[in-house]
Amino acid sequence: MEVIESNRRSPIARRWWAEGCLLLLVLVVGSGCQEAEAPRPVRPQVPRDLELEVINADRPSTLRCSPDIRLAYKVPTDVLEAASDELREREASGCDRSFITYYLSETQPGEGAWATAEYRPELMVTLLGLTRLEERELVAQARKSRDLVGTWIDDTSFASVVTVYQDGDELIMDRLYREGGSFAIEIAATRVGNELRWEEKGGDELGHYYVINSAGNLEKRDDHGLLHRARLHRLDRDPAVVGSQVRQAQADQAKIVRQKVEKAQQGASRNRMARWTQWLDLYRDTLAPMRHSVLQLGGGSRGLNVDAVCTDLRTSMAQIPTSLRQVPEEPIDLSYLEDHLARLIDACDAERRIPIVIEARATSSEWRRIDRDIGLVSRRLRGTNR
């Protein structure tokens, strides 16, 4: 009886007890809900001194969703994301999909972008060139224990540091890649008029050569014009003086090199080199003019007659001989280039300016890969691999 009496409560006590339990339940559940809601990541503010220059501010309406931007300096990815959000609101508002191309101060549209930002509609930022940290590390590696002439930064899809240095009586151009590894060639200094050129020793089958422009930047060219440009980091010696110092020594060695090449071409090697040279002549005559049409389309210039360039490209594509696909040496593969060109023609047929620009730039990137493979094969056949 005493136990029953001790468990009895007055109405007021029972109400206080119930309200206390309810309050405790609310606090527990509320606390659990707050823990379940993770805070959303906040992107950093765009630095006030970061100028975002719209290169194609007068772009046609068909390219409204694809602004080209020049950056004053390199920024981290998260800052680039914040800048892209700001630019999208300002330059491409209302676009479900937009494509922003970022160039550094030394490059022009069509010469190789440093980064891209694409909304699908989610944002995806792609760094094509080197970050500031990658640049510092590669430059430090490239400048170790060498008699340097100069150092340049390639912030296109090649993403590398280029050095030219003297090794005894040789001039060497070496390229260190972000992904690791390097690619070196021996070069010879020649003069064409008042222009000092660097050409691969033994000749370049595609007619490519290098010049240093008035700003000190390293330009790769062919007979049709500029292919791409690398930004000057540091010039250690006068290239003209260095060229004259090694030119005589290179000339003395030319006879020895020719004798080695002639010996390597005896018998089956001679026939193999002949087939390769014949294919290269066909490649150069057929595709070199098309390449500059693609570069023009990738530039997205407002004054460009896109229809006329697309028409020239269609005509050239129709005239590609079947024998060009019969590449006599590995690892040359033109199928990817043809796929890119076909997609570019489709974009031309649809008269869609943004896809035209995107596909043209992708095609140019693939063309640069083929250049590298052709150089590798040619040096292998000549017996001049480094």
Protein backbone atom coordinates (compact mmCIF):
# COMPACT_ATOMS: atom_id res chain seq x y z
CA MET A 1 0.00 0.00 0.00
CA GLU A 2 2.85 2.34 0.72
CA VAL A 3 4.39 1.65 -2.71
CA ILE A 4 1.12 2.51 -4.47
CA GLU A 5 0.87 5.73 -2.50
CA SER A 6 4.46 6.79 -3.38
CA ASN A 7 3.76 6.55 -7.18
CA ARG A 8 0.73 8.73 -7.05
CA ARG A 9 1.19 12.37 -8.25
CA SER A 10 -1.00 15.39 -8.21
CA PRO A 11 -2.43 16.64 -11.55
CA ILE A 12 -0.02 19.59 -11.52
CA ALA A 13 3.01 17.34 -10.99
CA ARG A 14 1.91 15.01 -13.76
CA ARG A 15 1.54 17.95 -16.17
CA TRP A 16 5.02 19.28 -15.30
CA TRP A 17 6.45 15.81 -15.79
CA ALA A 18 4.82 15.44 -19.25
CA GLU A 19 5.92 18.89 -20.41
CA GLY A 20 9.49 18.15 -19.31
CA CYS A 21 9.56 14.92 -21.30
CA LEU A 22 8.19 16.71 -24.39
CA LEU A 23 10.82 19.46 -24.12
CA LEU A 24 13.58 16.87 -23.81
CA LEU A 25 12.29 15.05 -26.91
CA VAL A 26 12.24 18.29 -28.93
CA LEU A 27 15.82 19.10 -27.91
CA VAL A 28 17.08 15.64 -28.85
CA VAL A 29 15.31 15.53 -32.22
CA GLY A 30 16.23 19.11 -33.05
CA SER A 31 19.87 18.46 -32.25
CA GLY A 32 19.85 15.42 -34.54
CA CYS A 33 18.35 17.43 -37.42
CA GLN A 34 21.00 20.12 -37.11
CA GLU A 35 23.78 17.56 -37.23
CA ALA A 36 22.32 16.01 -40.40
CA GLU A 37 22.50 19.29 -42.33
CA ALA A 38 26.10 19.65 -43.54
CA PRO A 39 27.11 23.23 -44.42
CA ARG A 40 27.48 23.91 -48.12
CA PRO A 41 31.00 24.75 -49.32
CA VAL A 42 31.52 28.45 -49.91
CA ARG A 43 33.71 29.49 -52.83
CA PRO A 44 36.30 32.18 -52.20
CA GLN A 45 35.82 35.74 -53.33
CA VAL A 46 37.40 36.77 -56.63
CA PRO A 47 40.46 38.92 -55.76
CA ARG A 48 39.86 42.61 -56.43
CA ASP A 49 43.09 42.94 -58.41
CA LEU A 50 42.22 40.00 -60.72
CA GLU A 51 41.19 41.62 -63.98
CA LEU A 52 38.82 39.50 -66.07
CA GLU A 53 39.07 41.04 -69.53
CA VAL A 54 36.44 39.88 -72.01
CA ILE A 55 38.39 39.43 -75.23
CA ASN A 56 35.36 38.84 -77.45
CA ALA A 57 33.06 41.41 -75.86
CA ASP A 58 31.61 42.14 -79.32
CA ARG A 59 31.04 38.46 -80.10
CA PRO A 60 28.00 37.57 -82.21
CA SER A 61 24.79 36.38 -80.58
CA THR A 62 25.56 32.79 -81.60
CA LEU A 63 28.61 32.91 -79.27
CA ARG A 64 26.88 34.76 -76.41
CA CYS A 65 27.28 31.75 -74.10
CA SER A 66 30.99 31.33 -74.92
CA PRO A 67 33.05 34.28 -73.67
CA ASP A 68 36.84 34.34 -74.06
CA ILE A 69 38.56 35.78 -70.99
CA ARG A 70 42.09 37.08 -70.49
CA LEU A 71 43.48 36.61 -66.97
CA ALA A 72 46.03 38.97 -65.45
CA TYR A 73 47.70 36.06 -63.66
CA LYS A 74 47.25 32.38 -62.76
CA VAL A 75 44.82 31.54 -59.97
CA PRO A 76 43.89 28.37 -58.05
CA THR A 77 41.01 26.22 -59.27
CA ASP A 78 38.58 27.36 -56.57
CA VAL A 79 39.16 31.02 -57.49
CA LEU A 80 38.63 30.12 -61.14
CA GLU A 81 35.32 28.50 -60.18
CA ALA A 82 34.24 31.66 -58.37
CA ALA A 83 35.30 33.81 -61.33
CA SER A 84 33.36 31.52 -63.68
CA ASP A 85 30.19 31.91 -61.62
CA GLU A 86 30.59 35.68 -61.74
CA LEU A 87 31.27 35.70 -65.49
CA ARG A 88 28.36 33.41 -66.22
CA GLU A 89 25.97 35.80 -64.49
CA ARG A 90 27.48 38.78 -66.26
CA GLU A 91 28.29 37.46 -69.73
CA ALA A 92 26.13 34.35 -70.26
CA SER A 93 23.03 34.84 -68.11
CA GLY A 94 20.15 32.59 -69.05
CA CYS A 95 22.37 30.04 -70.83
CA ASP A 96 21.67 26.45 -69.78
CA ARG A 97 25.08 25.48 -71.12
CA SER A 98 28.02 27.83 -71.43
CA PHE A 99 31.71 27.49 -72.23
CA ILE A 100 34.26 29.96 -70.86
CA THR A 101 37.82 29.95 -72.22
CA TYR A 102 40.64 31.50 -70.19
CA TYR A 103 43.79 32.91 -71.78
CA LEU A 104 46.86 34.34 -70.11
CA SER A 105 48.10 37.79 -71.06
CA GLU A 106 50.59 36.56 -73.70
CA THR A 107 48.20 34.43 -75.77
CA GLN A 108 45.41 35.11 -78.21
CA PRO A 109 42.29 33.02 -78.99
CA GLY A 110 43.26 30.03 -81.09
CA GLU A 111 46.85 29.93 -79.77
CA GLY A 112 46.07 27.67 -76.81
CA ALA A 113 43.94 28.32 -73.74
CA TRP A 114 45.26 28.03 -70.18
CA ALA A 115 41.95 26.79 -68.73
CA THR A 116 38.29 26.22 -69.58
CA ALA A 117 35.07 26.28 -67.56
CA GLU A 118 32.01 24.45 -68.86
CA TYR A 119 28.50 24.45 -67.39
CA ARG A 120 26.52 21.30 -68.31
CA PRO A 121 24.78 22.88 -66.33
CA GLU A 122 27.07 21.81 -63.43
CA LEU A 123 30.43 23.58 -63.45
CA MET A 124 33.50 21.68 -64.64
CA VAL A 125 36.85 23.53 -64.66
CA THR A 126 39.78 22.09 -66.64
CA LEU A 127 43.35 23.39 -66.32
CA LEU A 128 45.15 22.86 -69.62
CA GLY A 129 48.34 24.75 -68.79
CA LEU A 130 50.60 24.70 -65.76
CA THR A 131 49.62 25.87 -62.29
CA ARG A 132 51.95 28.30 -60.52
CA LEU A 133 53.38 25.50 -58.38
CA GLU A 134 53.92 23.19 -61.38
CA GLU A 135 55.61 26.03 -63.24
CA ARG A 136 58.04 26.75 -60.38
CA GLU A 137 58.92 23.07 -59.95
CA LEU A 138 59.50 22.44 -63.67
CA VAL A 139 61.56 25.62 -64.10
CA ALA A 140 63.75 24.64 -61.13
CA GLN A 141 64.26 21.19 -62.63
CA ALA A 142 64.95 22.52 -66.13
CA ARG A 143 67.57 25.04 -65.02
CA LYS A 144 69.79 22.58 -63.13
CA SER A 145 73.44 22.30 -64.24
CA ARG A 146 73.01 23.53 -67.80
CA ASP A 147 74.65 26.17 -69.97
CA LEU A 148 71.31 27.80 -70.65
CA VAL A 149 70.36 30.11 -73.48
CA GLY A 150 66.79 30.63 -72.27
CA THR A 151 63.69 29.19 -70.62
CA TRP A 152 60.06 29.45 -71.78
CA ILE A 153 56.70 28.38 -70.33
CA ASP A 154 54.23 26.58 -72.62
CA ASP A 155 50.78 27.02 -71.05
CA THR A 156 48.85 25.41 -73.91
CA SER A 157 47.72 21.79 -73.82
CA PHE A 158 51.42 20.86 -74.06
CA ALA A 159 51.75 22.00 -70.38
CA SER A 160 55.55 22.08 -70.26
CA VAL A 161 58.71 24.12 -69.79
CA VAL A 162 61.01 24.59 -72.78
CA THR A 163 64.74 25.20 -72.42
CA VAL A 164 67.45 25.79 -74.98
CA TYR A 165 70.97 25.08 -73.78
CA GLN A 166 74.45 24.53 -75.18
CA ASP A 167 76.04 21.12 -74.77
CA GLY A 168 79.57 21.39 -76.13
CA ASP A 169 79.20 22.12 -79.83
CA GLU A 170 75.48 21.33 -79.84
CA LEU A 171 72.36 23.38 -79.23
CA ILE A 172 69.63 21.38 -77.52
CA MET A 173 65.94 22.23 -77.15
CA ASP A 174 64.43 20.27 -74.28
CA ARG A 175 60.80 20.14 -73.20
CA LEU A 176 59.87 18.99 -69.66
CA TYR A 177 56.23 17.89 -69.32
CA ARG A 178 53.85 18.23 -66.38
CA GLU A 179 53.05 14.50 -66.58
CA GLY A 180 56.75 13.68 -66.27
CA GLY A 181 59.45 12.90 -68.79
CA SER A 182 61.10 15.12 -71.37
CA PHE A 183 61.60 15.40 -75.11
CA ALA A 184 64.85 16.82 -76.55
CA ILE A 185 66.02 17.62 -80.06
CA GLU A 186 69.22 19.06 -81.43
CA ILE A 187 68.67 22.35 -83.22
CA ALA A 188 70.63 24.50 -85.65
CA ALA A 189 70.57 28.30 -85.79
CA THR A 190 70.01 29.77 -89.26
CA ARG A 191 69.22 33.22 -90.61
CA VAL A 192 66.47 33.96 -93.12
CA GLY A 193 66.78 37.63 -93.96
CA ASN A 194 66.97 39.45 -90.63
CA GLU A 195 65.19 36.64 -88.78
CA LEU A 196 67.07 34.17 -86.60
CA ARG A 197 65.48 30.73 -86.75
CA TRP A 198 65.97 27.57 -84.77
CA GLU A 199 65.34 24.44 -86.81
CA GLU A 200 65.74 20.81 -85.94
CA LYS A 201 69.12 19.62 -87.06
CA GLY A 202 68.72 17.52 -90.17
CA GLY A 203 65.51 19.35 -91.10
CA ASP A 204 61.89 19.16 -90.03
CA GLU A 205 59.69 17.21 -92.43
CA LEU A 206 56.69 19.46 -91.77
CA GLY A 207 58.62 22.68 -92.26
CA HIS A 208 58.28 23.75 -88.62
CA TYR A 209 60.79 26.16 -87.07
CA TYR A 210 61.15 28.42 -84.01
CA VAL A 211 61.72 32.16 -83.70
CA ILE A 212 61.98 34.53 -80.73
CA ASN A 213 59.61 37.48 -81.18
CA SER A 214 60.19 41.05 -80.05
CA ALA A 215 58.78 40.26 -76.58
CA GLY A 216 61.19 37.34 -76.15
CA ASN A 217 58.46 34.70 -76.48
CA LEU A 218 59.25 31.49 -78.36
CA GLU A 219 57.03 30.97 -81.42
CA LYS A 220 56.60 27.77 -83.40
CA ARG A 221 55.81 28.49 -87.05
CA ASP A 222 55.51 26.98 -90.50
CA ASP A 223 55.27 28.54 -93.95
CA HIS A 224 51.61 29.39 -93.35
CA GLY A 225 52.15 31.27 -90.08
CA LEU A 226 52.07 30.89 -86.30
CA LEU A 227 51.22 27.51 -84.73
CA HIS A 228 51.63 28.30 -81.04
CA ARG A 229 53.66 30.40 -78.61
CA ALA A 230 55.55 29.80 -75.33
CA ARG A 231 55.97 32.65 -72.82
CA LEU A 232 59.48 33.87 -71.95
CA HIS A 233 60.60 33.04 -68.42
CA ARG A 234 64.24 34.06 -68.67
CA LEU A 235 66.77 34.76 -71.41
CA ASP A 236 70.30 33.97 -70.21
CA ARG A 237 72.33 34.58 -73.36
CA ASP A 238 71.98 36.33 -76.70
CA PRO A 239 70.63 33.66 -79.09
CA ALA A 240 72.33 35.31 -82.08
CA VAL A 241 75.76 35.14 -80.41
CA VAL A 242 75.24 31.57 -79.30
CA GLY A 243 74.07 30.65 -82.79
CA SER A 244 77.20 32.03 -84.44
CA GLN A 245 79.43 30.21 -81.94
CA VAL A 246 78.00 26.80 -82.68
CA ARG A 247 77.09 27.28 -86.35
CA GLN A 248 80.57 26.52 -87.63
CA ALA A 249 80.89 23.46 -85.43
CA GLN A 250 77.51 22.23 -86.62
CA ALA A 251 78.53 22.78 -90.22
CA ASP A 252 81.66 20.71 -89.64
CA GLN A 253 79.51 17.93 -88.24
CA ALA A 254 76.95 18.08 -91.06
CA LYS A 255 79.10 16.00 -93.39
CA ILE A 256 79.50 13.30 -90.74
CA VAL A 257 75.76 13.29 -90.09
CA ARG A 258 74.98 12.98 -93.81
CA GLN A 259 77.33 10.03 -94.05
CA LYS A 260 75.59 8.34 -91.11
CA VAL A 261 72.19 8.95 -92.67
CA GLU A 262 73.30 7.60 -96.04
CA LYS A 263 74.67 4.49 -94.36
CA ALA A 264 71.44 3.98 -92.43
CA GLN A 265 69.45 4.22 -95.66
CA GLN A 266 71.27 1.39 -97.40
CA GLY A 267 69.17 -1.54 -98.59
CA ALA A 268 65.85 -1.96 -96.77
CA SER A 269 66.40 1.18 -94.70
CA ARG A 270 66.64 3.25 -97.87
CA ASN A 271 63.32 1.90 -99.11
CA ARG A 272 61.71 2.45 -95.72
CA MET A 273 62.86 6.06 -95.58
CA ALA A 274 61.67 6.60 -99.15
CA ARG A 275 58.16 5.35 -98.30
CA TRP A 276 58.08 7.55 -95.20
CA THR A 277 59.25 10.63 -97.14
CA GLN A 278 56.65 10.01 -99.85
CA TRP A 279 53.87 9.77 -97.25
CA LEU A 280 55.10 12.93 -95.49
CA ASP A 281 54.99 14.87 -98.76
CA LEU A 282 51.39 13.77 -99.24
CA TYR A 283 50.51 14.62 -95.61
CA ARG A 284 52.08 18.07 -95.84
CA ASP A 285 50.53 18.96 -99.21
CA THR A 286 47.06 17.73 -98.21
CA LEU A 287 46.64 18.75 -94.58
CA ALA A 288 48.83 21.81 -93.96
CA PRO A 289 46.37 24.31 -95.56
CA MET A 290 43.47 22.70 -93.65
CA ARG A 291 45.28 23.19 -90.36
CA HIS A 292 45.29 26.96 -90.68
CA SER A 293 41.59 26.95 -91.53
CA VAL A 294 41.01 25.05 -88.28
CA LEU A 295 43.14 27.56 -86.35
CA GLN A 296 41.04 30.40 -87.77
CA LEU A 297 37.80 28.71 -86.70
CA GLY A 298 39.20 28.08 -83.23
CA GLY A 299 39.97 31.77 -82.83
CA GLY A 300 36.27 32.69 -82.90
CA SER A 301 37.06 36.10 -84.43
CA ARG A 302 34.02 38.29 -85.01
CA GLY A 303 35.23 39.42 -88.43
CA LEU A 304 35.92 35.90 -89.67
CA ASN A 305 33.84 34.66 -92.60
CA VAL A 306 32.99 31.34 -90.97
CA ASP A 307 30.91 30.09 -93.90
CA ALA A 308 33.79 30.64 -96.34
CA VAL A 309 36.34 28.92 -94.08
CA CYS A 310 33.95 26.00 -93.48
CA THR A 311 33.42 25.70 -97.25
CA ASP A 312 37.20 25.54 -97.83
CA LEU A 313 37.46 22.92 -95.10
CA ARG A 314 34.72 20.76 -96.65
CA THR A 315 36.42 20.97 -100.05
CA SER A 316 39.79 19.98 -98.59
CA MET A 317 38.24 17.09 -96.63
CA ALA A 318 36.63 15.72 -99.78
CA GLN A 319 40.00 15.74 -101.54
CA ILE A 320 41.91 13.72 -98.92
CA PRO A 321 43.29 10.69 -100.77
CA THR A 322 42.77 7.21 -99.37
CA SER A 323 46.52 6.59 -99.52
CA LEU A 324 47.05 9.18 -96.76
CA ARG A 325 45.42 6.78 -94.28
CA GLN A 326 47.98 4.10 -95.17
CA VAL A 327 50.65 5.36 -92.76
CA PRO A 328 53.88 3.39 -93.28
CA GLU A 329 55.20 3.80 -89.71
CA GLU A 330 53.89 3.47 -86.17
CA PRO A 331 52.65 5.10 -83.95
CA ILE A 332 51.13 7.59 -86.41
CA ASP A 333 47.33 7.30 -86.32
CA LEU A 334 45.17 9.79 -88.21
CA SER A 335 41.81 8.30 -87.20
CA TYR A 336 41.38 10.59 -84.19
CA LEU A 337 42.21 13.64 -86.30
CA GLU A 338 39.68 12.57 -88.91
CA ASP A 339 37.04 12.10 -86.21
CA HIS A 340 37.67 15.62 -84.91
CA LEU A 341 37.55 17.05 -88.44
CA ALA A 342 34.28 15.21 -89.14
CA ARG A 343 32.70 16.64 -85.97
CA LEU A 344 33.94 20.08 -86.95
CA ILE A 345 32.33 19.73 -90.40
CA ASP A 346 29.07 18.62 -88.71
CA ALA A 347 29.17 21.75 -86.56
CA CYS A 348 29.77 23.82 -89.71
CA ASP A 349 26.80 22.17 -91.42
CA ALA A 350 24.61 22.94 -88.41
CA GLU A 351 25.91 26.56 -88.36
CA ARG A 352 26.47 26.32 -84.59
CA ARG A 353 29.22 28.75 -83.69
CA ILE A 354 30.06 27.55 -80.18
CA PRO A 355 30.50 23.86 -81.21
CA ILE A 356 32.58 25.09 -84.18
CA VAL A 357 34.98 26.91 -81.86
CA ILE A 358 35.15 24.01 -79.39
CA GLU A 359 35.73 21.34 -82.06
CA ALA A 360 38.29 23.50 -83.89
CA ARG A 361 40.34 23.88 -80.72
CA ALA A 362 40.12 20.16 -79.96
CA THR A 363 41.25 19.41 -83.53
CA SER A 364 44.27 21.72 -83.16
CA SER A 365 45.25 19.93 -79.95
CA GLU A 366 45.10 16.55 -81.72
CA TRP A 367 47.19 17.97 -84.57
CA ARG A 368 49.93 18.96 -82.13
CA ARG A 369 50.02 15.36 -80.86
CA ILE A 370 50.51 14.11 -84.43
CA ASP A 371 53.36 16.61 -84.92
CA ARG A 372 55.14 15.07 -81.97
CA ASP A 373 54.67 11.51 -83.23
CA ILE A 374 55.90 12.44 -86.72
CA GLY A 375 59.03 13.96 -85.22
CA LEU A 376 59.67 10.80 -83.20
CA VAL A 377 59.35 8.56 -86.28
CA SER A 378 61.56 10.78 -88.43
CA ARG A 379 64.34 10.89 -85.86
CA ARG A 380 64.11 7.13 -85.39
CA LEU A 381 64.49 6.49 -89.11
CA ARG A 382 67.40 8.91 -89.37
CA GLY A 383 69.09 7.30 -86.38
CA THR A 384 69.19 10.62 -84.50
CA ASN A 385 67.09 9.74 -81.42
CA ARG A 386 68.13 11.52 -78.23
